[in-house]
Structures are given as structure tokens and as C-alpha cells.
Protein backbone atom coordinates (compact mmCIF):
# COMPACT_ATOMS: atom_id res chain seq x y z
CA MET A 1 -27.82 65.26 129.70
CA ALA A 2 -24.58 64.19 131.23
CA GLU A 3 -21.86 66.67 131.18
CA GLN A 4 -18.27 65.63 131.14
CA THR A 5 -15.56 67.74 132.63
CA GLU A 6 -12.14 67.41 131.15
CA ILE A 7 -9.13 68.36 133.17
CA ARG A 8 -6.15 69.23 131.16
CA THR A 9 -2.79 69.75 132.75
CA THR A 10 -0.25 71.64 130.80
CA GLU A 11 3.32 71.20 131.85
CA ARG A 12 5.69 73.74 130.50
CA ALA A 13 9.25 72.65 129.88
CA PRO A 14 11.76 74.72 131.79
CA ALA A 15 13.23 77.47 129.70
CA PRO A 16 16.80 76.82 128.59
CA PRO A 17 19.41 78.90 130.39
CA PRO A 18 20.28 82.11 128.57
CA ALA A 19 23.37 81.92 126.40
CA PRO A 20 26.36 83.73 127.87
CA PRO A 21 26.91 87.13 126.31
CA ALA A 22 29.54 87.23 123.60
CA LYS A 23 32.82 88.83 124.61
CA PRO A 24 34.42 91.26 122.16
CA ASP A 25 37.65 90.07 120.59
CA SER A 26 39.38 93.24 121.74
CA ALA A 27 38.56 92.45 125.38
CA VAL A 28 39.82 88.86 125.02
CA ILE A 29 43.06 90.03 123.39
CA ARG A 30 43.55 92.70 126.07
CA ASP A 31 43.18 90.17 128.90
CA ALA A 32 45.40 87.62 127.15
CA LEU A 33 48.13 90.18 126.48
CA GLY A 34 47.99 91.35 130.09
CA VAL A 35 48.55 87.83 131.40
CA GLY A 36 51.16 86.97 128.76
CA ILE A 37 53.24 90.09 129.33
CA ALA A 38 53.01 90.02 133.12
CA VAL A 39 54.10 86.40 133.41
CA GLY A 40 56.43 86.41 130.41
CA LEU A 41 58.64 89.07 131.95
CA SER A 42 59.30 86.79 134.93
CA GLY A 43 61.36 84.59 132.62
CA PHE A 44 64.18 86.98 133.46
CA ALA A 45 64.07 85.68 137.03
CA PHE A 46 64.32 82.12 135.79
CA GLY A 47 67.29 82.92 133.58
CA VAL A 48 69.15 84.51 136.47
CA THR A 49 68.25 81.69 138.89
CA SER A 50 69.24 79.00 136.41
CA ALA A 51 72.60 80.61 135.73
CA GLY A 52 73.16 80.96 139.47
CA ALA A 53 72.46 77.22 139.87
CA GLY A 54 75.31 76.43 137.51
CA LEU A 55 73.47 75.80 134.23
CA GLY A 56 74.95 77.22 131.06
CA LEU A 57 73.28 79.62 128.68
CA LEU A 58 72.28 76.92 126.20
CA GLN A 59 70.96 74.64 128.96
CA THR A 60 68.88 77.45 130.43
CA CYS A 61 67.42 78.48 127.08
CA ALA A 62 66.70 74.85 126.16
CA LEU A 63 64.67 74.43 129.33
CA SER A 64 62.46 77.40 128.47
CA LEU A 65 62.08 76.36 124.85
CA LEU A 66 61.33 72.68 125.43
CA VAL A 67 59.85 72.45 128.93
CA PHE A 68 57.99 75.78 129.03
CA THR A 69 56.31 75.43 132.38
CA GLY A 70 57.69 77.95 134.82
CA ALA A 71 57.00 76.18 138.10
CA SER A 72 58.70 72.98 136.94
CA GLN A 73 61.68 74.93 135.63
CA PHE A 74 62.10 76.78 138.92
CA ALA A 75 61.74 73.51 140.83
CA LEU A 76 64.43 71.87 138.71
CA VAL A 77 67.04 74.60 139.04
CA GLY A 78 66.16 75.13 142.70
CA ALA A 79 66.80 71.48 143.49
CA LEU A 80 70.08 71.58 141.54
CA ALA A 81 71.16 74.75 143.33
CA ALA A 82 70.50 73.03 146.66
CA GLY A 83 72.86 70.21 145.69
CA GLY A 84 70.17 67.69 144.80
CA ASN A 85 70.66 64.73 142.50
CA PRO A 86 69.85 65.64 138.86
CA PHE A 87 67.53 62.64 138.48
CA THR A 88 65.68 63.53 141.69
CA ALA A 89 65.41 67.15 140.58
CA ALA A 90 64.07 66.08 137.18
CA ALA A 91 61.56 63.72 138.80
CA GLY A 92 60.27 66.49 141.05
CA ALA A 93 59.91 68.85 138.09
CA PHE A 94 58.09 66.12 136.16
CA PHE A 95 55.57 65.51 138.94
CA LEU A 96 55.00 69.24 139.29
CA GLY A 97 54.37 69.57 135.56
CA ALA A 98 51.96 66.62 135.57
CA ARG A 99 49.14 68.98 136.50
CA ASN A 100 49.17 70.28 132.92
CA ALA A 101 47.81 66.92 131.80
CA PHE A 102 44.63 67.61 133.80
CA TYR A 103 44.38 71.05 132.22
CA GLY A 104 44.66 69.38 128.84
CA LEU A 105 41.71 67.09 129.52
CA ARG A 106 39.49 70.08 130.24
CA LEU A 107 40.83 72.27 127.45
CA SER A 108 40.40 69.51 124.87
CA ALA A 109 36.63 69.82 125.17
CA VAL A 110 36.64 73.62 125.45
CA LEU A 111 38.93 74.38 122.51
CA GLY A 112 37.86 71.50 120.27
CA TYR A 113 41.02 71.48 118.15
CA ARG A 114 41.48 68.85 115.46
CA ALA A 115 43.82 65.92 116.05
CA ARG A 116 46.65 67.36 113.98
CA VAL A 117 46.62 70.63 115.93
CA LYS A 118 46.50 69.15 119.43
CA PRO A 119 50.20 68.16 119.68
CA PHE A 120 51.25 71.76 118.97
CA ALA A 121 48.63 73.25 121.30
CA ALA A 122 49.65 70.85 124.08
CA HIS A 123 53.02 72.60 124.40
CA TRP A 124 51.18 75.77 125.47
CA VAL A 125 48.90 74.08 128.01
CA ILE A 126 50.08 75.74 131.22
CA ASP A 127 48.50 77.52 134.17
CA GLU A 128 48.11 80.91 132.50
CA THR A 129 46.77 79.79 129.11
CA SER A 130 44.32 77.46 130.83
CA ALA A 131 43.08 80.20 133.14
CA VAL A 132 42.47 82.62 130.25
CA ALA A 133 40.82 80.03 127.99
CA LEU A 134 38.51 78.63 130.67
CA ALA A 135 37.37 82.13 131.65
CA GLN A 136 35.87 82.79 128.20
CA PRO A 137 32.13 82.37 127.47
CA GLY A 138 32.45 80.59 124.13
CA ARG A 139 34.72 78.38 122.03
CA ARG A 140 35.80 81.14 119.65
CA SER A 141 36.89 83.49 122.42
CA ALA A 142 38.51 80.58 124.30
CA ARG A 143 40.62 79.73 121.26
CA LEU A 144 41.56 83.37 120.80
CA GLY A 145 42.51 83.82 124.45
CA PHE A 146 44.50 80.58 124.49
CA THR A 147 46.42 81.45 121.32
CA VAL A 148 47.24 85.05 122.22
CA THR A 149 48.25 84.14 125.76
CA GLY A 150 50.37 81.20 124.65
CA LEU A 151 52.13 83.09 121.85
CA THR A 152 52.83 86.19 123.95
CA LEU A 153 54.00 84.21 126.94
CA TYR A 154 56.18 81.80 124.92
CA VAL A 155 57.99 84.56 123.06
CA LEU A 156 58.52 86.82 126.08
CA TRP A 157 59.44 83.97 128.45
CA ASN A 158 62.18 82.74 126.15
CA LEU A 159 63.51 86.21 125.36
CA THR A 160 63.70 87.22 129.01
CA THR A 161 65.19 83.85 129.94
CA PHE A 162 68.01 84.53 127.48
CA VAL A 163 68.54 88.05 128.79
CA GLY A 164 68.49 86.92 132.42
CA ALA A 165 70.94 84.07 131.87
CA LEU A 166 73.22 86.30 129.81
CA GLY A 167 73.33 89.08 132.39
CA ALA A 168 73.31 86.94 135.54
CA GLY A 169 77.00 87.61 136.17
CA ALA A 170 76.34 91.33 136.56
CA LEU A 171 73.93 90.74 139.47
CA GLY A 172 76.40 88.99 141.72
CA ASP A 173 74.83 86.66 144.28
CA THR A 174 71.50 85.66 142.72
CA ASP A 175 70.21 84.10 145.96
CA ALA A 176 70.26 87.50 147.64
CA TRP A 177 67.74 88.86 145.15
CA GLY A 178 65.13 86.17 145.80
CA LEU A 179 64.20 86.07 142.14
CA ASP A 180 63.08 82.45 142.33
CA ALA A 181 59.88 83.66 144.02
CA ALA A 182 58.96 86.03 141.18
CA GLY A 183 57.19 83.44 139.00
CA PRO A 184 54.97 81.95 141.74
CA ALA A 185 54.21 85.44 143.05
CA VAL A 186 53.01 86.65 139.65
CA PHE A 187 50.80 83.61 139.16
CA LEU A 188 49.35 83.96 142.66
CA ALA A 189 48.47 87.59 141.91
CA LEU A 190 46.63 86.46 138.78
CA LEU A 191 44.85 83.60 140.51
CA ALA A 192 43.74 85.39 143.70
CA PRO A 193 40.91 87.48 142.09
CA MET A 194 39.34 84.27 140.72
CA VAL A 195 38.78 82.84 144.23
CA LYS A 196 35.35 84.30 144.97
CA ASP A 197 32.95 81.97 146.82
CA THR A 198 33.32 80.09 150.10
CA VAL A 199 34.04 76.70 148.54
CA GLU A 200 36.92 78.10 146.50
CA ARG A 201 38.37 79.89 149.54
CA VAL A 202 38.18 76.74 151.67
CA ALA A 203 39.84 74.67 148.92
CA ALA A 204 42.61 77.24 148.52
CA GLY A 205 43.19 77.42 152.27
CA LEU A 206 43.31 73.64 152.59
CA ALA A 207 45.76 73.45 149.68
CA VAL A 208 48.07 75.92 151.42
CA VAL A 209 47.94 73.88 154.62
CA LEU A 210 48.75 70.67 152.75
CA VAL A 211 51.73 72.29 151.05
CA MET A 212 53.09 73.70 154.31
CA VAL A 213 52.76 70.35 156.09
CA THR A 214 54.22 68.17 153.33
CA LEU A 215 56.93 70.53 152.06
CA PRO A 216 59.57 69.46 154.63
CA LEU A 217 58.65 65.77 154.26
CA LEU A 218 58.25 65.04 150.54
CA PRO A 219 60.51 65.50 147.50
CA THR A 220 60.33 68.66 145.42
CA GLY A 221 57.17 68.84 143.34
CA VAL A 222 55.20 66.21 145.26
CA PRO A 223 53.65 68.65 147.81
CA VAL A 224 51.94 70.50 144.96
CA LEU A 225 50.34 67.28 143.78
CA VAL A 226 49.20 66.53 147.32
CA ALA A 227 47.71 70.02 147.53
CA ALA A 228 45.63 69.21 144.44
CA LEU A 229 43.65 66.80 146.63
CA ALA A 230 42.16 69.80 148.46
CA ALA A 231 39.61 70.49 145.71
CA PRO A 232 38.01 67.00 145.53
CA ALA A 233 38.07 66.75 149.34
CA VAL A 234 36.16 70.02 149.73
CA LEU A 235 33.70 69.07 146.98
CA LEU A 236 33.11 65.69 148.63
CA VAL A 237 32.25 67.32 151.95
CA GLN A 238 30.01 69.86 150.20
CA GLY A 239 28.16 67.08 148.34
CA ARG A 240 27.50 65.18 151.56
CA ARG A 241 26.15 68.30 153.23
CA GLU A 242 23.83 69.01 150.30
CA ARG A 243 22.52 65.42 150.33
CA ALA A 244 21.93 65.63 154.08
CA THR A 245 20.06 68.90 153.66
CA GLY A 246 17.95 67.39 150.88
CA ALA A 247 17.13 64.36 153.01
CA GLU A 248 15.92 66.62 155.82
CA ALA A 249 13.77 68.66 153.44
CA ALA A 250 12.16 65.58 151.83
CA PRO A 251 9.96 64.58 154.84
CA ARG A 252 8.71 68.14 155.15
CA ALA A 253 7.66 68.15 151.53
CA GLY A 254 6.00 64.74 152.03
CA THR A 255 3.75 66.00 154.81
CA ALA A 256 2.08 68.42 152.43
CA ALA A 257 1.41 65.74 149.81
CA PRO A 258 -1.85 64.32 151.33
CA HIS A 259 -3.49 67.74 151.15
CA ALA A 260 -2.90 68.03 147.42
CA PRO A 261 -5.73 65.64 146.35
CA ARG A 262 -8.25 67.48 148.56
CA HIS A 263 -7.29 70.74 146.97
CA GLN A 264 -7.60 69.31 143.48
CA ALA A 265 -11.00 67.71 144.34
CA ALA A 266 -12.28 71.05 145.63
CA GLU A 267 -11.23 72.76 142.41
CA LEU A 268 -12.92 70.00 140.38
CA ARG A 269 -16.23 70.37 142.28
CA HIS A 270 -16.07 74.13 141.89
CA THR A 271 -15.47 73.84 138.14
CA THR A 272 -18.36 71.34 137.70
CA GLU A 273 -20.83 73.52 139.59
CA GLU A 274 -19.93 76.49 137.41
CA ASP A 275 -20.45 74.42 134.24
CA ARG A 276 -23.90 73.25 135.41
CA ALA A 277 -24.94 76.76 136.26
């Protein structure tokens, strides 16, 4: 009587990655309020700097209401204070604010707002709201963080801009206070804890080098865009290194392949002998 031995191989599908733990709404609101208040208060520095650059109260407040991107606002009034051409200053501020368009591409998928809501949400797409929204584990918490951060920051930024521009005359020489560095300093303090692994540190360091090298050579706002090239450059180098490492590991794995059939044949003979016994 012939006996047949069936070999069945069962391949288990890899388990899906565990879903990120839900974050309580109170924690999201607390983080969003912390960012909104900390950065919103620096609108006072912009109001003072803008008034010191020669802009009127209405012009200063209109910039915060309509532009609402602190780095671009500081770049504009800084260029005007240095005697730059208004069109050149506006162009530099525009190029500096262009980074928000890239934030918008990422946030569009994360937040998932409907078409009629997107134009209103786009006005709040800035560094701080993007950082808070992208740090959340799910869409609901991302929307909550984005909304609370944007609302808090928009209200406080405009209020403190008004107060700073109104009281700029009482401070005297605004350049002596160095208030134009307050906004970037606050954002850097918020961003620094997020730089954790080696790739992020290398990208940040390369971005700083690019800014320092191009700052004396390029118009205002352009060095920041050049610094944005640091991230894809570092990722490109990392990808090449990973491919090279994988290519070196492939021949080693291939040397063990011929032994696999012998091992399987030995197991088959052992199984058949047990069945006959």
C-alpha cells in the first residue's frame, strides 16, 4: 500500500501594525493652547518692529490680519527698515511664506476637510499649526489641535500686534531691544525638542549651514528656501547608504540558499519514516 505524504506550508500574513493610542482631547487642547499662547504673545514684538520700520498702525494690523505668517511679516518689515525696495521686500516675504504651501499639501490629507472648508483653513496653515496637527495620532485629534492652535494664535497675534504698534513710541529705539528675533527664537524653542534622531539632526545642521552661507549672498527670504533642500539631500544620501547595505547583505543571504533544499529533504525523509513506522 503506497502511502502519500502531503506537505502543507502555511504562510501567515504579517500582523497589521498596532493602531496608535488615542490621545485625550484635554491633552491635545493643552498642547495647542501652549503653542498658541507662547507664539501669539510674540506678536507684540512684530508690532513694535513694524512701527519702528515706519509702518502705520493700520498697515501693521493689516499685515497680521491678512498675511498671518510671522516669519514673512518680520522679513518684510526688516527689509523695509533696512531701506530696501518695497517690491523686493514683498518678494522676499512671499518666497519665505511659500513654505506654507508644502505644509498645506501634507495637512490636506491629514485633516481631510471638505472643499468648502479648505479656503478658510488655509489661512491658518503656518509652522505652529502644522507642527501641532502633524504630531497627533489620529484625524480627530489633528483637527482639534489645528483648530485650537490656529484660533488661539490668530487672536493673540493680532491683539498683541495692535498693542505693540500702539505702544512702540514709549519704547524709544526699537532696534536696541532686538525684538525682531523674538518670533524666530520662540519657534526654534518649540521645534528643537522634535529633532530626535541622527537624520533629523544632520538635516537641521545642514540647513543652518546653508542659511549662514547664502544669507549674505541672496535676497531676503531666499536663504530659507535654499535651506529646505537640506532634508531631501540628507534623505537621498541615507537612501543610497541603505541600498548599498542591502546589496552587500544579499550575497550573504544567497550563500545559504543551496542548503535549504537539503534541510527540507531531510525533514521529508524523517517524516516519511515516522509514518511508515
